[in-house]
Each structure stands twice: as C-alpha cells, then as structure tokens.
Amino acid sequence: MLTHEDRQRLTQIICGQQVNFVDVLTSNHTNLQISFVHSRYRNENVAICVLVDVSARVKMEESLQEMAPGGGAGQPVEIDVPGDR
C-alpha cells in the first residue's frame, strides 16, 4: 500500500510533528489519517502509529459539497414554506 517514498515522507512527518494526528495523501492517491504518539522502546525513540484509510469518507464529503447549493460555497439555503407568510 505504501511506496518507499511514502514511508520516508511519513517518517519525516511523524518525527517532526508534536501533534497527535495528521492527514496525508499518498503517492497512489490514498487518503490516510495517521494517529501517533512518541515513545521509547528498548532505549530507542519510537512512534506508535495507527494508519486509517479515509479515502471513502473524503470522497463522500467532496460529493456532498458538490451537491450542495452553490457548489458547497457555504451559502444559506432559502426554503419557501407554504403558509409561512
């Protein structure tokens, strides 16, 4: 699933981050959400990581934004309700 370049990039991101999670797009266009914590194991610095493929969620969110009035521009929707005047 991850190319050698992806692994190197993720290692650099995790080593340089203090935040506990980050969203990453891999070279094969997979959207990953990575949660991690820095720790020590056998006197070595390590990162305990959980990688979750969130590609389906990202595609669903994009399609919902496209379907929204105004192309997801965040504009309010005006609804005409009969007898509301």
Protein backbone atom coordinates (compact mmCIF):
# COMPACT_ATOMS: atom_id res chain seq x y z
CA MET A 1 0.00 0.00 0.00
CA LEU A 2 2.79 2.46 0.84
CA THR A 3 5.67 3.08 -1.52
CA HIS A 4 9.22 3.52 -0.27
CA GLU A 5 8.87 7.28 -0.83
CA ASP A 6 5.61 7.32 1.17
CA ARG A 7 7.33 5.55 4.07
CA GLN A 8 10.21 8.04 4.04
CA ARG A 9 7.83 11.01 3.91
CA LEU A 10 5.66 9.63 6.74
CA THR A 11 8.75 9.02 8.87
CA GLN A 12 9.84 12.63 8.36
CA ILE A 13 6.34 13.95 9.14
CA ILE A 14 5.97 11.87 12.31
CA CYS A 15 9.48 12.65 13.56
CA GLY A 16 8.93 16.38 13.04
CA GLN A 17 5.41 16.63 14.47
CA GLN A 18 4.30 17.01 18.05
CA VAL A 19 0.63 16.92 17.04
CA ASN A 20 -1.04 13.53 17.61
CA PHE A 21 -2.57 13.14 14.15
CA VAL A 22 -2.10 14.23 10.58
CA ASP A 23 -3.93 13.69 7.27
CA VAL A 24 -1.75 12.58 4.36
CA LEU A 25 -2.33 11.90 0.66
CA THR A 26 -0.09 9.05 -0.55
CA SER A 27 1.51 8.80 -3.98
CA ASN A 28 -1.26 6.42 -5.13
CA HIS A 29 -3.94 8.95 -4.02
CA THR A 30 -4.97 7.16 -0.82
CA ASN A 31 -6.13 9.49 1.94
CA LEU A 32 -4.67 8.36 5.26
CA GLN A 33 -5.35 9.70 8.72
CA ILE A 34 -2.37 8.92 10.93
CA SER A 35 -2.60 8.98 14.71
CA PHE A 36 0.62 8.58 16.64
CA VAL A 37 2.39 9.06 19.93
CA HIS A 38 6.12 9.40 20.53
CA SER A 39 7.55 6.89 22.99
CA ARG A 40 10.67 4.92 23.93
CA TYR A 41 11.25 1.22 23.36
CA ARG A 42 14.43 -0.57 24.41
CA ASN A 43 16.10 2.80 24.93
CA GLU A 44 15.22 3.95 21.38
CA ASN A 45 12.89 6.74 20.27
CA VAL A 46 9.86 5.26 18.50
CA ALA A 47 6.43 6.34 17.33
CA ILE A 48 3.41 4.13 17.87
CA CYS A 49 1.17 4.73 14.84
CA VAL A 50 -2.32 3.92 13.62
CA LEU A 51 -2.99 4.44 9.91
CA VAL A 52 -6.62 4.62 8.76
CA ASP A 53 -7.65 4.77 5.10
CA VAL A 54 -10.22 7.59 5.00
CA SER A 55 -10.43 7.80 1.19
CA ALA A 56 -14.12 6.81 1.08
CA ARG A 57 -15.01 9.46 3.68
CA VAL A 58 -13.07 12.15 1.79
CA LYS A 59 -14.81 11.25 -1.49
CA MET A 60 -18.22 11.29 0.22
CA GLU A 61 -17.53 14.73 1.75
CA GLU A 62 -16.41 16.07 -1.64
CA SER A 63 -19.53 14.73 -3.36
CA LEU A 64 -21.79 16.23 -0.66
CA GLN A 65 -20.11 19.61 -1.12
CA GLU A 66 -20.61 19.38 -4.89
CA MET A 67 -24.31 18.53 -4.40
CA ALA A 68 -24.87 21.46 -2.02
CA PRO A 69 -26.49 24.59 -3.48
CA GLY A 70 -23.82 26.92 -4.84
CA GLY A 71 -21.31 24.09 -5.16
CA GLY A 72 -20.67 23.91 -1.43
CA ALA A 73 -19.87 27.60 -1.13
CA GLY A 74 -21.45 27.65 2.32
CA GLN A 75 -24.31 29.91 1.29
CA PRO A 76 -27.56 29.73 3.27
CA VAL A 77 -30.43 27.89 1.65
CA GLU A 78 -33.75 29.73 1.40
CA ILE A 79 -36.76 27.45 1.74
CA ASP A 80 -40.25 28.65 0.86
CA VAL A 81 -42.74 27.07 3.25
CA PRO A 82 -46.42 27.45 2.21
CA GLY A 83 -48.48 29.40 4.73
CA ASP A 84 -45.40 30.76 6.49
CA ARG A 85 -46.03 34.37 5.48
